[in-house]
Amino acid sequence: MDLARMTVPALIDTDLKASERHGILRALAELVVRHGDVQDAALLVKRLEQREALGSTGIGHGIAVPHCRMAGLDEVVLAIGISRTPIAFEAIDGAPARLFFLVISPEAKPAAHVQCLAAISGWLKGFAQVDELLTIRDPEALFRRLPGAGPPADC
């Protein structure tokens, strides 16, 4: 599953302005609403908070993958954010998160939800590229690094 097929540069924010977990979820939800994929940011944040209450989506090594399923979507939506400030996200390794992958999947397609989460995990396998990704400041440049985005435009 190519991550680039689930997002666009407009769904990438390389300078999130939040200082805590709820603010990150809200900022990513508002990004998705501005793009038109979801209509209600408050409902999306509520769904994300409900999922976080089941257990943190902080996977360690500075990464969190907040996710939920929602009615009204046809396909998986992926928003990506980078925070210049480390955010406490109750990750399994205790490290704060700076790289966020927000996954919103159609309620009717649970397999697509799991496939997207697996694709993110597979791409970040070993976490070797996380430090490099965190240096990217341009959403388009980050988009070009995603699996399925093709070669960089300057090649």
Protein backbone atom coordinates (compact mmCIF):
# COMPACT_ATOMS: atom_id res chain seq x y z
CA MET A 1 0.00 0.00 0.00
CA ASP A 2 1.57 3.26 -1.14
CA LEU A 3 1.29 6.00 1.45
CA ALA A 4 1.40 8.69 -1.25
CA ARG A 5 -1.97 7.45 -2.56
CA MET A 6 -3.61 8.33 0.77
CA THR A 7 -2.39 11.90 1.10
CA VAL A 8 -1.41 15.06 -0.74
CA PRO A 9 1.04 17.82 0.19
CA ALA A 10 -1.90 19.90 1.48
CA LEU A 11 -2.36 17.25 4.20
CA ILE A 12 1.20 17.65 5.43
CA ASP A 13 2.23 20.26 8.00
CA THR A 14 5.95 20.36 8.74
CA ASP A 15 5.59 22.94 11.51
CA LEU A 16 2.72 22.01 13.82
CA LYS A 17 2.04 24.71 16.41
CA ALA A 18 0.93 22.78 19.48
CA SER A 19 2.48 22.07 22.83
CA GLU A 20 0.49 19.03 24.00
CA ARG A 21 -1.26 15.93 22.66
CA HIS A 22 -4.76 17.38 22.38
CA GLY A 23 -3.39 20.36 20.45
CA ILE A 24 -1.61 18.06 17.99
CA LEU A 25 -4.79 16.06 17.41
CA ARG A 26 -6.77 19.27 16.93
CA ALA A 27 -4.21 20.73 14.50
CA LEU A 28 -4.15 17.57 12.39
CA ALA A 29 -7.96 17.34 12.45
CA GLU A 30 -8.27 20.94 11.28
CA LEU A 31 -5.83 20.20 8.46
CA VAL A 32 -8.07 17.34 7.29
CA VAL A 33 -11.19 19.51 7.54
CA ARG A 34 -9.57 22.35 5.57
CA HIS A 35 -8.76 19.84 2.85
CA GLY A 36 -12.42 18.75 2.80
CA ASP A 37 -12.02 15.08 3.71
CA VAL A 38 -13.96 15.39 6.98
CA GLN A 39 -16.56 18.03 7.82
CA ASP A 40 -16.42 18.20 11.62
CA ALA A 41 -13.05 18.75 13.33
CA ALA A 42 -14.55 18.47 16.81
CA LEU A 43 -16.06 15.06 16.02
CA LEU A 44 -12.76 13.86 14.55
CA VAL A 45 -10.83 15.02 17.63
CA LYS A 46 -13.39 13.28 19.85
CA ARG A 47 -12.92 10.01 17.92
CA LEU A 48 -9.14 10.34 18.12
CA GLU A 49 -9.29 11.06 21.87
CA GLN A 50 -11.53 8.02 22.36
CA ARG A 51 -8.93 5.89 20.58
CA GLU A 52 -6.11 7.40 22.69
CA ALA A 53 -8.08 6.51 25.83
CA LEU A 54 -7.76 2.83 24.84
CA GLY A 55 -3.98 3.16 24.75
CA SER A 56 -1.47 5.62 23.39
CA THR A 57 -0.76 5.59 19.68
CA GLY A 58 2.79 6.74 20.40
CA ILE A 59 4.85 3.93 18.88
CA GLY A 60 8.21 5.17 20.13
CA HIS A 61 11.30 6.68 18.54
CA GLY A 62 9.54 10.06 18.36
CA ILE A 63 6.58 8.81 16.31
CA ALA A 64 2.85 8.71 16.98
CA VAL A 65 0.16 7.30 14.72
CA PRO A 66 -3.19 8.61 15.99
CA HIS A 67 -5.97 6.87 14.14
CA CYS A 68 -9.68 6.18 14.02
CA ARG A 69 -12.43 5.04 11.69
CA MET A 70 -15.28 7.29 10.62
CA ALA A 71 -18.46 6.99 8.61
CA GLY A 72 -18.77 9.00 5.43
CA LEU A 73 -15.32 8.30 4.01
CA ASP A 74 -14.71 6.32 0.85
CA GLU A 75 -10.96 5.91 1.24
CA VAL A 76 -8.26 6.15 3.90
CA VAL A 77 -7.05 9.69 4.60
CA LEU A 78 -3.51 10.26 5.82
CA ALA A 79 -2.32 13.55 7.32
CA ILE A 80 1.29 13.96 8.38
CA GLY A 81 2.70 16.46 10.82
CA ILE A 82 6.03 17.42 12.30
CA SER A 83 6.29 19.31 15.55
CA ARG A 84 9.47 21.26 16.23
CA THR A 85 8.61 20.88 19.93
CA PRO A 86 8.68 17.35 21.41
CA ILE A 87 5.18 16.37 22.54
CA ALA A 88 4.47 13.99 25.45
CA PHE A 89 2.40 11.23 23.84
CA GLU A 90 2.77 8.41 26.36
CA ALA A 91 4.75 6.36 23.84
CA ILE A 92 5.82 2.86 24.76
CA ASP A 93 9.47 3.97 25.06
CA GLY A 94 8.57 7.11 27.04
CA ALA A 95 10.11 9.38 24.40
CA PRO A 96 8.13 12.43 23.26
CA ALA A 97 6.79 12.44 19.70
CA ARG A 98 7.62 14.87 16.92
CA LEU A 99 6.48 12.95 13.82
CA PHE A 100 2.76 12.26 13.48
CA PHE A 101 0.79 10.15 11.02
CA LEU A 102 -2.96 10.71 11.37
CA VAL A 103 -4.93 7.86 9.80
CA ILE A 104 -8.68 8.13 9.26
CA SER A 105 -10.34 5.14 7.64
CA PRO A 106 -13.85 4.39 6.44
CA GLU A 107 -15.83 2.46 9.03
CA ALA A 108 -16.88 0.06 6.29
CA LYS A 109 -13.26 -0.81 5.36
CA PRO A 110 -11.48 -2.15 8.45
CA ALA A 111 -8.91 -4.01 6.33
CA ALA A 112 -7.81 -0.74 4.70
CA HIS A 113 -7.26 0.71 8.17
CA VAL A 114 -4.97 -2.13 9.20
CA GLN A 115 -3.16 -2.05 5.83
CA CYS A 116 -2.40 1.66 6.20
CA LEU A 117 -1.06 1.22 9.73
CA ALA A 118 1.09 -1.68 8.51
CA ALA A 119 2.37 0.40 5.57
CA ILE A 120 3.46 3.19 7.92
CA SER A 121 5.15 0.71 10.23
CA GLY A 122 6.85 -1.04 7.33
CA TRP A 123 8.13 2.19 5.84
CA LEU A 124 9.57 3.32 9.16
CA LYS A 125 10.94 -0.13 9.95
CA GLY A 126 14.02 0.26 12.07
CA PHE A 127 13.28 3.98 12.49
CA ALA A 128 16.57 4.83 10.75
CA GLN A 129 15.07 7.58 8.62
CA VAL A 130 13.09 9.38 11.34
CA ASP A 131 15.84 11.88 12.16
CA GLU A 132 16.16 12.74 8.48
CA LEU A 133 12.40 13.14 8.06
CA LEU A 134 12.30 15.52 11.02
CA THR A 135 14.66 17.90 9.22
CA ILE A 136 12.28 18.38 6.28
CA ARG A 137 10.57 21.76 6.29
CA ASP A 138 8.70 21.62 2.96
CA PRO A 139 5.47 19.57 2.76
CA GLU A 140 6.11 18.78 -0.91
CA ALA A 141 9.58 17.44 -0.08
CA LEU A 142 8.13 15.20 2.62
CA PHE A 143 5.44 14.00 0.25
CA ARG A 144 8.09 13.02 -2.31
CA ARG A 145 9.73 10.80 0.32
CA LEU A 146 6.58 8.70 0.78
CA PRO A 147 6.34 5.26 -0.79
CA GLY A 148 4.53 5.57 -4.11
CA ALA A 149 5.34 9.25 -4.69
CA GLY A 150 7.91 8.47 -7.37
CA PRO A 151 11.33 10.02 -7.81
CA PRO A 152 12.00 13.54 -6.58
CA ALA A 153 11.06 16.23 -9.10
CA ASP A 154 14.69 17.38 -9.47
CA CYS A 155 15.94 13.97 -10.70
